[in-house]
Amino acid sequence: MNEQCKTIRKRILLADDQQEVRDTIKLLLRLDEHTVAEATNGREALEMFTQDRFDLVITDYFMPEMRGDELAANVKHLVPSQPILMLTGSAELVDGFSTTVDALLRKPFSLVDLRQAIARLC
């Protein structure tokens, strides 16, 4: 088990450019009492990551300024063991997603899907 994920309540960095998506995911994460920090794009998320510690990074793939795979590569460069969950609505990415992410969820997903992905990573 990853040392960063031993706590039940996790500090999660959530990067998605769509406010309504962030709000929905944040609501789901808070049901399990996780603390959520929000970023509107990959560049903002990377800046937040360098200034704080997170148990998990959840990122959308398609975002302005820096895509999710670029964010993941930068995060892994800084902390190779950092768990990263990527979200995507693109079917093509499901089969060949980046090796810099630890798990991928295809949108739309359920609360059960999200919880299972977090449990696998943490």
PDB file of N, CA and C in Angstrom:
ATOM      1  N   MET A   1       0.842  -1.183   0.000  1.00  0.00           N
ATOM      2  CA  MET A   1       0.000   0.000   0.000  1.00  0.00           C
ATOM      3  C   MET A   1       0.882   1.240   0.000  1.00  0.00           C
ATOM      4  N   ASN A   2       0.491   2.231  -0.779  1.00  0.00           N
ATOM      5  CA  ASN A   2       1.226   3.471  -0.871  1.00  0.00           C
ATOM      6  C   ASN A   2       1.161   4.208   0.466  1.00  0.00           C
ATOM      7  N   GLU A   3       2.307   4.663   0.965  1.00  0.00           N
ATOM      8  CA  GLU A   3       2.361   5.374   2.248  1.00  0.00           C
ATOM      9  C   GLU A   3       1.447   6.594   2.263  1.00  0.00           C
ATOM     10  N   GLN A   4       1.312   7.274   1.121  1.00  0.00           N
ATOM     11  CA  GLN A   4       0.514   8.486   1.057  1.00  0.00           C
ATOM     12  C   GLN A   4      -0.975   8.200   1.208  1.00  0.00           C
ATOM     13  N   CYS A   5      -1.391   6.955   1.075  1.00  0.00           N
ATOM     14  CA  CYS A   5      -2.817   6.641   1.042  1.00  0.00           C
ATOM     15  C   CYS A   5      -3.301   5.860   2.252  1.00  0.00           C
ATOM     16  N   LYS A   6      -2.544   5.797   3.315  1.00  0.00           N
ATOM     17  CA  LYS A   6      -2.959   5.009   4.475  1.00  0.00           C
ATOM     18  C   LYS A   6      -4.083   5.657   5.275  1.00  0.00           C
ATOM     19  N   THR A   7      -4.246   6.954   5.141  1.00  0.00           N
ATOM     20  CA  THR A   7      -5.313   7.613   5.877  1.00  0.00           C
ATOM     21  C   THR A   7      -6.656   7.313   5.233  1.00  0.00           C
ATOM     22  N   ILE A   8      -7.694   7.221   6.061  1.00  0.00           N
ATOM     23  CA  ILE A   8      -9.030   6.978   5.529  1.00  0.00           C
ATOM     24  C   ILE A   8      -9.517   8.204   4.781  1.00  0.00           C
ATOM     25  N   ARG A   9      -9.429   9.347   5.418  1.00  0.00           N
ATOM     26  CA  ARG A   9      -9.795  10.601   4.764  1.00  0.00           C
ATOM     27  C   ARG A   9      -8.584  11.102   4.002  1.00  0.00           C
ATOM     28  N   LYS A  10      -8.789  11.400   2.761  1.00  0.00           N
ATOM     29  CA  LYS A  10      -7.671  11.773   1.906  1.00  0.00           C
ATOM     30  C   LYS A  10      -7.729  13.238   1.498  1.00  0.00           C
ATOM     31  N   ARG A  11      -6.553  13.793   1.243  1.00  0.00           N
ATOM     32  CA  ARG A  11      -6.453  15.123   0.637  1.00  0.00           C
ATOM     33  C   ARG A  11      -6.309  14.887  -0.853  1.00  0.00           C
ATOM     34  N   ILE A  12      -7.277  15.389  -1.596  1.00  0.00           N
ATOM     35  CA  ILE A  12      -7.329  15.116  -3.029  1.00  0.00           C
ATOM     36  C   ILE A  12      -7.245  16.417  -3.809  1.00  0.00           C
ATOM     37  N   LEU A  13      -6.370  16.424  -4.806  1.00  0.00           N
ATOM     38  CA  LEU A  13      -6.276  17.533  -5.740  1.00  0.00           C
ATOM     39  C   LEU A  13      -7.089  17.162  -6.969  1.00  0.00           C
ATOM     40  N   LEU A  14      -8.095  17.955  -7.278  1.00  0.00           N
ATOM     41  CA  LEU A  14      -9.006  17.709  -8.382  1.00  0.00           C
ATOM     42  C   LEU A  14      -8.810  18.769  -9.449  1.00  0.00           C
ATOM     43  N   ALA A  15      -8.433  18.347 -10.658  1.00  0.00           N
ATOM     44  CA  ALA A  15      -8.223  19.279 -11.765  1.00  0.00           C
ATOM     45  C   ALA A  15      -9.209  18.971 -12.888  1.00  0.00           C
ATOM     46  N   ASP A  16     -10.076  19.926 -13.159  1.00  0.00           N
ATOM     47  CA  ASP A  16     -11.032  19.816 -14.271  1.00  0.00           C
ATOM     48  C   ASP A  16     -11.439  21.228 -14.647  1.00  0.00           C
ATOM     49  N   ASP A  17     -11.515  21.512 -15.942  1.00  0.00           N
ATOM     50  CA  ASP A  17     -11.830  22.867 -16.373  1.00  0.00           C
ATOM     51  C   ASP A  17     -13.322  23.187 -16.325  1.00  0.00           C
ATOM     52  N   GLN A  18     -14.170  22.208 -16.107  1.00  0.00           N
ATOM     53  CA  GLN A  18     -15.614  22.437 -16.074  1.00  0.00           C
ATOM     54  C   GLN A  18     -16.095  22.519 -14.622  1.00  0.00           C
ATOM     55  N   GLN A  19     -16.607  23.693 -14.253  1.00  0.00           N
ATOM     56  CA  GLN A  19     -17.054  23.934 -12.883  1.00  0.00           C
ATOM     57  C   GLN A  19     -18.086  22.917 -12.426  1.00  0.00           C
ATOM     58  N   GLU A  20     -19.070  22.605 -13.276  1.00  0.00           N
ATOM     59  CA  GLU A  20     -20.123  21.675 -12.869  1.00  0.00           C
ATOM     60  C   GLU A  20     -19.584  20.267 -12.637  1.00  0.00           C
ATOM     61  N   VAL A  21     -18.592  19.872 -13.389  1.00  0.00           N
ATOM     62  CA  VAL A  21     -17.965  18.563 -13.186  1.00  0.00           C
ATOM     63  C   VAL A  21     -17.205  18.559 -11.866  1.00  0.00           C
ATOM     64  N   ARG A  22     -16.429  19.623 -11.623  1.00  0.00           N
ATOM     65  CA  ARG A  22     -15.703  19.724 -10.344  1.00  0.00           C
ATOM     66  C   ARG A  22     -16.673  19.702  -9.170  1.00  0.00           C
ATOM     67  N   ASP A  23     -17.756  20.447  -9.279  1.00  0.00           N
ATOM     68  CA  ASP A  23     -18.732  20.487  -8.189  1.00  0.00           C
ATOM     69  C   ASP A  23     -19.313  19.106  -7.900  1.00  0.00           C
ATOM     70  N   THR A  24     -19.630  18.363  -8.955  1.00  0.00           N
ATOM     71  CA  THR A  24     -20.207  17.026  -8.784  1.00  0.00           C
ATOM     72  C   THR A  24     -19.206  16.063  -8.160  1.00  0.00           C
ATOM     73  N   ILE A  25     -17.994  16.059  -8.674  1.00  0.00           N
ATOM     74  CA  ILE A  25     -16.971  15.160  -8.140  1.00  0.00           C
ATOM     75  C   ILE A  25     -16.632  15.538  -6.698  1.00  0.00           C
ATOM     76  N   LYS A  26     -16.535  16.829  -6.433  1.00  0.00           N
ATOM     77  CA  LYS A  26     -16.247  17.295  -5.076  1.00  0.00           C
ATOM     78  C   LYS A  26     -17.341  16.822  -4.118  1.00  0.00           C
ATOM     79  N   LEU A  27     -18.593  16.911  -4.533  1.00  0.00           N
ATOM     80  CA  LEU A  27     -19.703  16.441  -3.711  1.00  0.00           C
ATOM     81  C   LEU A  27     -19.564  14.946  -3.415  1.00  0.00           C
ATOM     82  N   LEU A  28     -19.243  14.163  -4.438  1.00  0.00           N
ATOM     83  CA  LEU A  28     -19.067  12.718  -4.250  1.00  0.00           C
ATOM     84  C   LEU A  28     -17.908  12.426  -3.298  1.00  0.00           C
ATOM     85  N   LEU A  29     -16.806  13.134  -3.449  1.00  0.00           N
ATOM     86  CA  LEU A  29     -15.644  12.911  -2.592  1.00  0.00           C
ATOM     87  C   LEU A  29     -15.920  13.319  -1.150  1.00  0.00           C
ATOM     88  N   ARG A  30     -16.661  14.383  -0.980  1.00  0.00           N
ATOM     89  CA  ARG A  30     -16.973  14.842   0.374  1.00  0.00           C
ATOM     90  C   ARG A  30     -17.950  13.921   1.099  1.00  0.00           C
ATOM     91  N   LEU A  31     -18.705  13.108   0.347  1.00  0.00           N
ATOM     92  CA  LEU A  31     -19.557  12.100   0.991  1.00  0.00           C
ATOM     93  C   LEU A  31     -18.715  11.148   1.835  1.00  0.00           C
ATOM     94  N   ASP A  32     -17.482  10.921   1.399  1.00  0.00           N
ATOM     95  CA  ASP A  32     -16.557  10.055   2.126  1.00  0.00           C
ATOM     96  C   ASP A  32     -15.577  10.866   2.978  1.00  0.00           C
ATOM     97  N   GLU A  33     -15.887  12.126   3.199  1.00  0.00           N
ATOM     98  CA  GLU A  33     -15.143  13.023   4.079  1.00  0.00           C
ATOM     99  C   GLU A  33     -13.721  13.328   3.613  1.00  0.00           C
ATOM    100  N   HIS A  34     -13.502  13.254   2.303  1.00  0.00           N
ATOM    101  CA  HIS A  34     -12.208  13.655   1.760  1.00  0.00           C
ATOM    102  C   HIS A  34     -12.147  15.176   1.684  1.00  0.00           C
ATOM    103  N   THR A  35     -10.954  15.715   1.792  1.00  0.00           N
ATOM    104  CA  THR A  35     -10.718  17.140   1.594  1.00  0.00           C
ATOM    105  C   THR A  35     -10.327  17.336   0.137  1.00  0.00           C
ATOM    106  N   VAL A  36     -10.948  18.300  -0.513  1.00  0.00           N
ATOM    107  CA  VAL A  36     -10.735  18.493  -1.947  1.00  0.00           C
ATOM    108  C   VAL A  36     -10.218  19.898  -2.227  1.00  0.00           C
ATOM    109  N   ALA A  37      -9.106  19.964  -2.950  1.00  0.00           N
ATOM    110  CA  ALA A  37      -8.582  21.219  -3.473  1.00  0.00           C
ATOM    111  C   ALA A  37      -8.851  21.216  -4.972  1.00  0.00           C
ATOM    112  N   GLU A  38      -9.357  22.321  -5.491  1.00  0.00           N
ATOM    113  CA  GLU A  38      -9.767  22.375  -6.894  1.00  0.00           C
ATOM    114  C   GLU A  38      -8.838  23.232  -7.740  1.00  0.00           C
ATOM    115  N   ALA A  39      -8.584  22.745  -8.954  1.00  0.00           N
ATOM    116  CA  ALA A  39      -7.829  23.503  -9.943  1.00  0.00           C
ATOM    117  C   ALA A  39      -8.621  23.511 -11.242  1.00  0.00           C
ATOM    118  N   THR A  40      -8.574  24.640 -11.951  1.00  0.00           N
ATOM    119  CA  THR A  40      -9.352  24.777 -13.177  1.00  0.00           C
ATOM    120  C   THR A  40      -8.607  24.320 -14.428  1.00  0.00           C
ATOM    121  N   ASN A  41      -7.327  24.018 -14.291  1.00  0.00           N
ATOM    122  CA  ASN A  41      -6.541  23.503 -15.415  1.00  0.00           C
ATOM    123  C   ASN A  41      -5.277  22.831 -14.885  1.00  0.00           C
ATOM    124  N   GLY A  42      -4.554  22.188 -15.772  1.00  0.00           N
ATOM    125  CA  GLY A  42      -3.364  21.455 -15.365  1.00  0.00           C
ATOM    126  C   GLY A  42      -2.263  22.324 -14.809  1.00  0.00           C
ATOM    127  N   ARG A  43      -2.091  23.498 -15.380  1.00  0.00           N
ATOM    128  CA  ARG A  43      -1.030  24.397 -14.905  1.00  0.00           C
ATOM    129  C   ARG A  43      -1.308  24.848 -13.470  1.00  0.00           C
ATOM    130  N   GLU A  44      -2.548  25.198 -13.198  1.00  0.00           N
ATOM    131  CA  GLU A  44      -2.933  25.593 -11.836  1.00  0.00           C
ATOM    132  C   GLU A  44      -2.773  24.417 -10.876  1.00  0.00           C
ATOM    133  N   ALA A  45      -3.150  23.232 -11.319  1.00  0.00           N
ATOM    134  CA  ALA A  45      -3.020  22.039 -10.478  1.00  0.00           C
ATOM    135  C   ALA A  45      -1.559  21.752 -10.152  1.00  0.00           C
ATOM    136  N   LEU A  46      -0.681  21.893 -11.130  1.00  0.00           N
ATOM    137  CA  LEU A  46       0.743  21.645 -10.899  1.00  0.00           C
ATOM    138  C   LEU A  46       1.300  22.642  -9.888  1.00  0.00           C
ATOM    139  N   GLU A  47       0.900  23.897 -10.005  1.00  0.00           N
ATOM    140  CA  GLU A  47       1.349  24.900  -9.041  1.00  0.00           C
ATOM    141  C   GLU A  47       0.870  24.538  -7.629  1.00  0.00           C
ATOM    142  N   MET A  48      -0.386  24.128  -7.507  1.00  0.00           N
ATOM    143  CA  MET A  48      -0.926  23.733  -6.206  1.00  0.00           C
ATOM    144  C   MET A  48      -0.184  22.509  -5.671  1.00  0.00           C
ATOM    145  N   PHE A  49       0.123  21.557  -6.560  1.00  0.00           N
ATOM    146  CA  PHE A  49       0.820  20.335  -6.157  1.00  0.00           C
ATOM    147  C   PHE A  49       2.201  20.643  -5.600  1.00  0.00           C
ATOM    148  N   THR A  50       2.889  21.595  -6.196  1.00  0.00           N
ATOM    149  CA  THR A  50       4.239  21.922  -5.726  1.00  0.00           C
ATOM    150  C   THR A  50       4.223  22.643  -4.383  1.00  0.00           C
ATOM    151  N   GLN A  51       3.065  23.182  -3.990  1.00  0.00           N
ATOM    152  CA  GLN A  51       2.976  23.938  -2.744  1.00  0.00           C
ATOM    153  C   GLN A  51       2.341  23.159  -1.599  1.00  0.00           C
ATOM    154  N   ASP A  52       1.835  21.955  -1.860  1.00  0.00           N
ATOM    155  CA  ASP A  52       1.111  21.212  -0.830  1.00  0.00           C
ATOM    156  C   ASP A  52       1.290  19.717  -1.076  1.00  0.00           C
ATOM    157  N   ARG A  53       0.799  18.914  -0.136  1.00  0.00           N
ATOM    158  CA  ARG A  53       0.866  17.459  -0.275  1.00  0.00           C
ATOM    159  C   ARG A  53      -0.541  16.923  -0.458  1.00  0.00           C
ATOM    160  N   PHE A  54      -0.673  15.928  -1.329  1.00  0.00           N
ATOM    161  CA  PHE A  54      -1.964  15.319  -1.603  1.00  0.00           C
ATOM    162  C   PHE A  54      -1.823  13.803  -1.608  1.00  0.00           C
ATOM    163  N   ASP A  55      -2.860  13.132  -1.143  1.00  0.00           N
ATOM    164  CA  ASP A  55      -2.870  11.673  -1.168  1.00  0.00           C
ATOM    165  C   ASP A  55      -3.179  11.150  -2.561  1.00  0.00           C
ATOM    166  N   LEU A  56      -3.918  11.957  -3.334  1.00  0.00           N
ATOM    167  CA  LEU A  56      -4.359  11.533  -4.656  1.00  0.00           C
ATOM    168  C   LEU A  56      -4.548  12.758  -5.532  1.00  0.00           C
ATOM    169  N   VAL A  57      -4.192  12.614  -6.811  1.00  0.00           N
ATOM    170  CA  VAL A  57      -4.482  13.634  -7.810  1.00  0.00           C
ATOM    171  C   VAL A  57      -5.498  13.029  -8.772  1.00  0.00           C
ATOM    172  N   ILE A  58      -6.611  13.740  -8.959  1.00  0.00           N
ATOM    173  CA  ILE A  58      -7.621  13.343  -9.941  1.00  0.00           C
ATOM    174  C   ILE A  58      -7.635  14.427 -11.003  1.00  0.00           C
ATOM    175  N   THR A  59      -7.440  14.032 -12.256  1.00  0.00           N
ATOM    176  CA  THR A  59      -7.374  15.013 -13.328  1.00  0.00           C
ATOM    177  C   THR A  59      -8.194  14.595 -14.535  1.00  0.00           C
ATOM    178  N   ASP A  60      -8.824  15.577 -15.133  1.00  0.00           N
ATOM    179  CA  ASP A  60      -9.469  15.392 -16.420  1.00  0.00           C
ATOM    180  C   ASP A  60      -8.362  15.318 -17.473  1.00  0.00           C
ATOM    181  N   TYR A  61      -8.658  14.709 -18.610  1.00  0.00           N
ATOM    182  CA  TYR A  61      -7.654  14.648 -19.675  1.00  0.00           C
ATOM    183  C   TYR A  61      -7.618  15.946 -20.467  1.00  0.00           C
ATOM    184  N   PHE A  62      -8.754  16.333 -21.043  1.00  0.00           N
ATOM    185  CA  PHE A  62      -8.801  17.522 -21.889  1.00  0.00           C
ATOM    186  C   PHE A  62      -9.049  18.764 -21.049  1.00  0.00           C
ATOM    187  N   MET A  63      -8.018  19.620 -20.950  1.00  0.00           N
ATOM    188  CA  MET A  63      -8.120  20.887 -20.236  1.00  0.00           C
ATOM    189  C   MET A  63      -7.275  21.919 -20.970  1.00  0.00           C
ATOM    190  N   PRO A  64      -7.630  23.198 -20.841  1.00  0.00           N
ATOM    191  CA  PRO A  64      -6.798  24.235 -21.451  1.00  0.00           C
ATOM    192  C   PRO A  64      -5.486  24.399 -20.675  1.00  0.00           C
ATOM    193  N   GLU A  65      -4.513  24.969 -21.352  1.00  0.00           N
ATOM    194  CA  GLU A  65      -3.196  25.302 -20.798  1.00  0.00           C
ATOM    195  C   GLU A  65      -2.295  24.099 -20.554  1.00  0.00           C
ATOM    196  N   MET A  66      -2.824  22.996 -20.010  1.00  0.00           N
ATOM    197  CA  MET A  66      -2.037  21.787 -19.798  1.00  0.00           C
ATOM    198  C   MET A  66      -3.001  20.608 -19.672  1.00  0.00           C
ATOM    199  N   ARG A  67      -2.868  19.643 -20.576  1.00  0.00           N
ATOM    200  CA  ARG A  67      -3.728  18.452 -20.530  1.00  0.00           C
ATOM    201  C   ARG A  67      -3.402  17.602 -19.302  1.00  0.00           C
ATOM    202  N   GLY A  68      -4.309  16.702 -18.990  1.00  0.00           N
ATOM    203  CA  GLY A  68      -4.144  15.839 -17.831  1.00  0.00           C
ATOM    204  C   GLY A  68      -2.930  14.931 -17.905  1.00  0.00           C
ATOM    205  N   ASP A  69      -2.596  14.439 -19.106  1.00  0.00           N
ATOM    206  CA  ASP A  69      -1.415  13.579 -19.221  1.00  0.00           C
ATOM    207  C   ASP A  69      -0.134  14.370 -18.993  1.00  0.00           C
ATOM    208  N   GLU A  70      -0.129  15.638 -19.394  1.00  0.00           N
ATOM    209  CA  GLU A  70       1.032  16.494 -19.139  1.00  0.00           C
ATOM    210  C   GLU A  70       1.152  16.794 -17.644  1.00  0.00           C
ATOM    211  N   LEU A  71       0.023  17.067 -16.999  1.00  0.00           N
ATOM    212  CA  LEU A  71       0.022  17.263 -15.551  1.00  0.00           C
ATOM    213  C   LEU A  71       0.563  16.020 -14.862  1.00  0.00           C
ATOM    214  N   ALA A  72       0.061  14.854 -15.270  1.00  0.00           N
ATOM    215  CA  ALA A  72       0.493  13.591 -14.658  1.00  0.00           C
ATOM    216  C   ALA A  72       1.999  13.392 -14.814  1.00  0.00           C
ATOM    217  N   ALA A  73       2.527  13.659 -15.995  1.00  0.00           N
ATOM    218  CA  ALA A  73       3.965  13.494 -16.227  1.00  0.00           C
ATOM    219  C   ALA A  73       4.773  14.423 -15.326  1.00  0.00           C
ATOM    220  N   ASN A  74       4.329  15.659 -15.191  1.00  0.00           N
ATOM    221  CA  ASN A  74       5.031  16.617 -14.317  1.00  0.00           C
ATOM    222  C   ASN A  74       4.962  16.202 -12.858  1.00  0.00           C
ATOM    223  N   VAL A  75       3.795  15.756 -12.418  1.00  0.00           N
ATOM    224  CA  VAL A  75       3.629  15.312 -11.032  1.00  0.00           C
ATOM    225  C   VAL A  75       4.517  14.100 -10.759  1.00  0.00           C
ATOM    226  N   LYS A  76       4.504  13.122 -11.666  1.00  0.00           N
ATOM    227  CA  LYS A  76       5.319  11.915 -11.486  1.00  0.00           C
ATOM    228  C   LYS A  76       6.813  12.237 -11.505  1.00  0.00           C
ATOM    229  N   HIS A  77       7.187  13.271 -12.258  1.00  0.00           N
ATOM    230  CA  HIS A  77       8.586  13.688 -12.261  1.00  0.00           C
ATOM    231  C   HIS A  77       8.985  14.194 -10.867  1.00  0.00           C
ATOM    232  N   LEU A  78       8.075  14.918 -10.229  1.00  0.00           N
ATOM    233  CA  LEU A  78       8.342  15.462  -8.894  1.00  0.00           C
ATOM    234  C   LEU A  78       8.232  14.400  -7.799  1.00  0.00           C
ATOM    235  N   VAL A  79       7.186  13.573  -7.882  1.00  0.00           N
ATOM    236  CA  VAL A  79       6.919  12.536  -6.867  1.00  0.00           C
ATOM    237  C   VAL A  79       6.487  11.267  -7.614  1.00  0.00           C
ATOM    238  N   PRO A  80       7.438  10.404  -7.969  1.00  0.00           N
ATOM    239  CA  PRO A  80       7.119   9.226  -8.771  1.00  0.00           C
ATOM    240  C   PRO A  80       6.046   8.302  -8.170  1.00  0.00           C
ATOM    241  N   SER A  81       5.918   8.287  -6.868  1.00  0.00           N
ATOM    242  CA  SER A  81       4.947   7.393  -6.224  1.00  0.00           C
ATOM    243  C   SER A  81       3.550   8.011  -6.079  1.00  0.00           C
ATOM    244  N   GLN A  82       3.368   9.251  -6.536  1.00  0.00           N
ATOM    245  CA  GLN A  82       2.084   9.934  -6.369  1.00  0.00           C
ATOM    246  C   GLN A  82       0.980   9.226  -7.158  1.00  0.00           C
ATOM    247  N   PRO A  83      -0.082   8.766  -6.485  1.00  0.00           N
ATOM    248  CA  PRO A  83      -1.209   8.156  -7.205  1.00  0.00           C
ATOM    249  C   PRO A  83      -1.974   9.204  -8.020  1.00  0.00           C
ATOM    250  N   ILE A  84      -2.262   8.849  -9.279  1.00  0.00           N
ATOM    251  CA  ILE A  84      -2.993   9.745 -10.171  1.00  0.00           C
ATOM    252  C   ILE A  84      -4.117   8.972 -10.844  1.00  0.00           C
ATOM    253  N   LEU A  85      -5.317   9.543 -10.767  1.00  0.00           N
ATOM    254  CA  LEU A  85      -6.506   9.001 -11.414  1.00  0.00           C
ATOM    255  C   LEU A  85      -6.918   9.965 -12.508  1.00  0.00           C
ATOM    256  N   MET A  86      -7.000   9.474 -13.745  1.00  0.00           N
ATOM    257  CA  MET A  86      -7.403  10.329 -14.844  1.00  0.00           C
ATOM    258  C   MET A  86      -8.853  10.043 -15.210  1.00  0.00           C
ATOM    259  N   LEU A  87      -9.585  11.123 -15.510  1.00  0.00           N
ATOM    260  CA  LEU A  87     -10.968  11.047 -15.956  1.00  0.00           C
ATOM    261  C   LEU A  87     -11.021  11.461 -17.413  1.00  0.00           C
ATOM    262  N   THR A  88     -11.841  10.770 -18.195  1.00  0.00           N
ATOM    263  CA  THR A  88     -11.965  11.149 -19.599  1.00  0.00           C
ATOM    264  C   THR A  88     -13.325  10.760 -20.142  1.00  0.00           C
ATOM    265  N   GLY A  89     -13.781  11.537 -21.080  1.00  0.00           N
ATOM    266  CA  GLY A  89     -14.985  11.211 -21.814  1.00  0.00           C
ATOM    267  C   GLY A  89     -14.639  10.616 -23.171  1.00  0.00           C
ATOM    268  N   SER A  90     -13.365  10.484 -23.452  1.00  0.00           N
ATOM    269  CA  SER A  90     -12.895   9.992 -24.746  1.00  0.00           C
ATOM    270  C   SER A  90     -12.666   8.485 -24.712  1.00  0.00           C
ATOM    271  N   ALA A  91     -13.414   7.760 -25.513  1.00  0.00           N
ATOM    272  CA  ALA A  91     -13.313   6.300 -25.556  1.00  0.00           C
ATOM    273  C   ALA A  91     -11.932   5.845 -26.019  1.00  0.00           C
ATOM    274  N   GLU A  92     -11.298   6.607 -26.899  1.00  0.00           N
ATOM    275  CA  GLU A  92      -9.987   6.213 -27.431  1.00  0.00           C
ATOM    276  C   GLU A  92      -8.926   6.121 -26.346  1.00  0.00           C
ATOM    277  N   LEU A  93      -9.044   6.966 -25.336  1.00  0.00           N
ATOM    278  CA  LEU A  93      -8.033   6.983 -24.277  1.00  0.00           C
ATOM    279  C   LEU A  93      -8.124   5.781 -23.354  1.00  0.00           C
ATOM    280  N   VAL A  94      -9.281   5.165 -23.282  1.00  0.00           N
ATOM    281  CA  VAL A  94      -9.475   4.060 -22.350  1.00  0.00           C
ATOM    282  C   VAL A  94      -8.541   2.899 -22.680  1.00  0.00           C
ATOM    283  N   ASP A  95      -8.348   2.615 -23.957  1.00  0.00           N
ATOM    284  CA  ASP A  95      -7.517   1.476 -24.350  1.00  0.00           C
ATOM    285  C   ASP A  95      -6.028   1.745 -24.246  1.00  0.00           C
ATOM    286  N   GLY A  96      -5.605   2.973 -24.471  1.00  0.00           N
ATOM    287  CA  GLY A  96      -4.171   3.241 -24.491  1.00  0.00           C
ATOM    288  C   GLY A  96      -3.772   4.421 -23.640  1.00  0.00           C
ATOM    289  N   PHE A  97      -4.309   4.502 -22.426  1.00  0.00           N
ATOM    290  CA  PHE A  97      -4.021   5.688 -21.621  1.00  0.00           C
ATOM    291  C   PHE A  97      -2.569   5.718 -21.180  1.00  0.00           C
ATOM    292  N   SER A  98      -2.157   6.903 -20.856  1.00  0.00           N
ATOM    293  CA  SER A  98      -0.774   7.202 -20.518  1.00  0.00           C
ATOM    294  C   SER A  98      -0.242   6.335 -19.383  1.00  0.00           C
ATOM    295  N   THR A  99       1.008   5.996 -19.472  1.00  0.00           N
ATOM    296  CA  THR A  99       1.652   5.219 -18.401  1.00  0.00           C
ATOM    297  C   THR A  99       1.962   6.091 -17.192  1.00  0.00           C
ATOM    298  N   THR A 100       1.731   7.389 -17.296  1.00  0.00           N
ATOM    299  CA  THR A 100       1.991   8.275 -16.160  1.00  0.00           C
ATOM    300  C   THR A 100       0.823   8.335 -15.186  1.00  0.00           C
ATOM    301  N   VAL A 101      -0.311   7.714 -15.533  1.00  0.00           N
ATOM    302  CA  VAL A 101      -1.446   7.678 -14.609  1.00  0.00           C
ATOM    303  C   VAL A 101      -1.603   6.258 -14.083  1.00  0.00           C
ATOM    304  N   ASP A 102      -2.152   6.150 -12.889  1.00  0.00           N
ATOM    305  CA  ASP A 102      -2.283   4.849 -12.240  1.00  0.00           C
ATOM    306  C   ASP A 102      -3.633   4.195 -12.480  1.00  0.00           C
ATOM    307  N   ALA A 103      -4.631   4.992 -12.834  1.00  0.00           N
ATOM    308  CA  ALA A 103      -5.955   4.458 -13.127  1.00  0.00           C
ATOM    309  C   ALA A 103      -6.699   5.455 -14.001  1.00  0.00           C
ATOM    310  N   LEU A 104      -7.703   4.963 -14.699  1.00  0.00           N
ATOM    311  CA  LEU A 104      -8.493   5.798 -15.578  1.00  0.00           C
ATOM    312  C   LEU A 104      -9.965   5.473 -15.394  1.00  0.00           C
ATOM    313  N   LEU A 105     -10.791   6.509 -15.303  1.00  0.00           N
ATOM    314  CA  LEU A 105     -12.240   6.345 -15.249  1.00  0.00           C
ATOM    315  C   LEU A 105     -12.839   7.060 -16.443  1.00  0.00           C
ATOM    316  N   ARG A 106     -13.726   6.378 -17.126  1.00  0.00           N
ATOM    317  CA  ARG A 106     -14.402   6.983 -18.264  1.00  0.00           C
ATOM    318  C   ARG A 106     -15.678   7.665 -17.792  1.00  0.00           C
ATOM    319  N   LYS A 107     -15.868   8.912 -18.219  1.00  0.00           N
ATOM    320  CA  LYS A 107     -17.082   9.664 -17.898  1.00  0.00           C
ATOM    321  C   LYS A 107     -18.215   9.176 -18.795  1.00  0.00           C
ATOM    322  N   PRO A 108     -19.405   9.080 -18.309  1.00  0.00           N
ATOM    323  CA  PRO A 108     -19.812   9.294 -16.925  1.00  0.00           C
ATOM    324  C   PRO A 108     -19.482   8.065 -16.070  1.00  0.00           C
ATOM    325  N   PHE A 109     -19.254   8.276 -14.793  1.00  0.00           N
ATOM    326  CA  PHE A 109     -18.965   7.182 -13.873  1.00  0.00           C
ATOM    327  C   PHE A 109     -19.854   7.330 -12.652  1.00  0.00           C
ATOM    328  N   SER A 110     -19.962   6.253 -11.900  1.00  0.00           N
ATOM    329  CA  SER A 110     -20.811   6.259 -10.705  1.00  0.00           C
ATOM    330  C   SER A 110     -19.965   6.485  -9.459  1.00  0.00           C
ATOM    331  N   LEU A 111     -20.639   6.743  -8.353  1.00  0.00           N
ATOM    332  CA  LEU A 111     -19.956   6.865  -7.067  1.00  0.00           C
ATOM    333  C   LEU A 111     -19.222   5.567  -6.743  1.00  0.00           C
ATOM    334  N   VAL A 112     -19.827   4.443  -7.048  1.00  0.00           N
ATOM    335  CA  VAL A 112     -19.189   3.142  -6.803  1.00  0.00           C
ATOM    336  C   VAL A 112     -17.902   3.028  -7.615  1.00  0.00           C
ATOM    337  N   ASP A 113     -17.939   3.436  -8.887  1.00  0.00           N
ATOM    338  CA  ASP A 113     -16.737   3.408  -9.729  1.00  0.00           C
ATOM    339  C   ASP A 113     -15.628   4.273  -9.127  1.00  0.00           C
ATOM    340  N   LEU A 114     -15.993   5.464  -8.684  1.00  0.00           N
ATOM    341  CA  LEU A 114     -15.024   6.380  -8.102  1.00  0.00           C
ATOM    342  C   LEU A 114     -14.428   5.804  -6.823  1.00  0.00           C
ATOM    343  N   ARG A 115     -15.283   5.281  -5.963  1.00  0.00           N
ATOM    344  CA  ARG A 115     -14.787   4.687  -4.711  1.00  0.00           C
ATOM    345  C   ARG A 115     -13.867   3.503  -4.984  1.00  0.00           C
ATOM    346  N   GLN A 116     -14.217   2.672  -5.954  1.00  0.00           N
ATOM    347  CA  GLN A 116     -13.369   1.506  -6.265  1.00  0.00           C
ATOM    348  C   GLN A 116     -12.014   1.953  -6.809  1.00  0.00           C
ATOM    349  N   ALA A 117     -12.005   2.972  -7.646  1.00  0.00           N
ATOM    350  CA  ALA A 117     -10.739   3.465  -8.176  1.00  0.00           C
ATOM    351  C   ALA A 117      -9.864   4.026  -7.060  1.00  0.00           C
ATOM    352  N   ILE A 118     -10.453   4.782  -6.164  1.00  0.00           N
ATOM    353  CA  ILE A 118      -9.693   5.351  -5.038  1.00  0.00           C
ATOM    354  C   ILE A 118      -9.158   4.234  -4.149  1.00  0.00           C
ATOM    355  N   ALA A 119      -9.978   3.237  -3.887  1.00  0.00           N
ATOM    356  CA  ALA A 119      -9.548   2.108  -3.039  1.00  0.00           C
ATOM    357  C   ALA A 119      -8.372   1.358  -3.691  1.00  0.00           C
ATOM    358  N   ARG A 120      -8.398   1.185  -5.002  1.00  0.00           N
ATOM    359  CA  ARG A 120      -7.308   0.499  -5.686  1.00  0.00           C
ATOM    360  C   ARG A 120      -6.010   1.297  -5.609  1.00  0.00           C
ATOM    361  N   LEU A 121      -6.142   2.609  -5.699  1.00  0.00           N
ATOM    362  CA  LEU A 121      -4.947   3.461  -5.697  1.00  0.00           C
ATOM    363  C   LEU A 121      -4.417   3.718  -4.299  1.00  0.00           C
ATOM    364  N   CYS A 122      -5.298   3.693  -3.334  1.00  0.00           N
ATOM    365  CA  CYS A 122      -4.903   4.080  -1.983  1.00  0.00           C
ATOM    366  C   CYS A 122      -5.151   2.954  -1.024  1.00  0.00           C
TER     367      CYS A 122
END
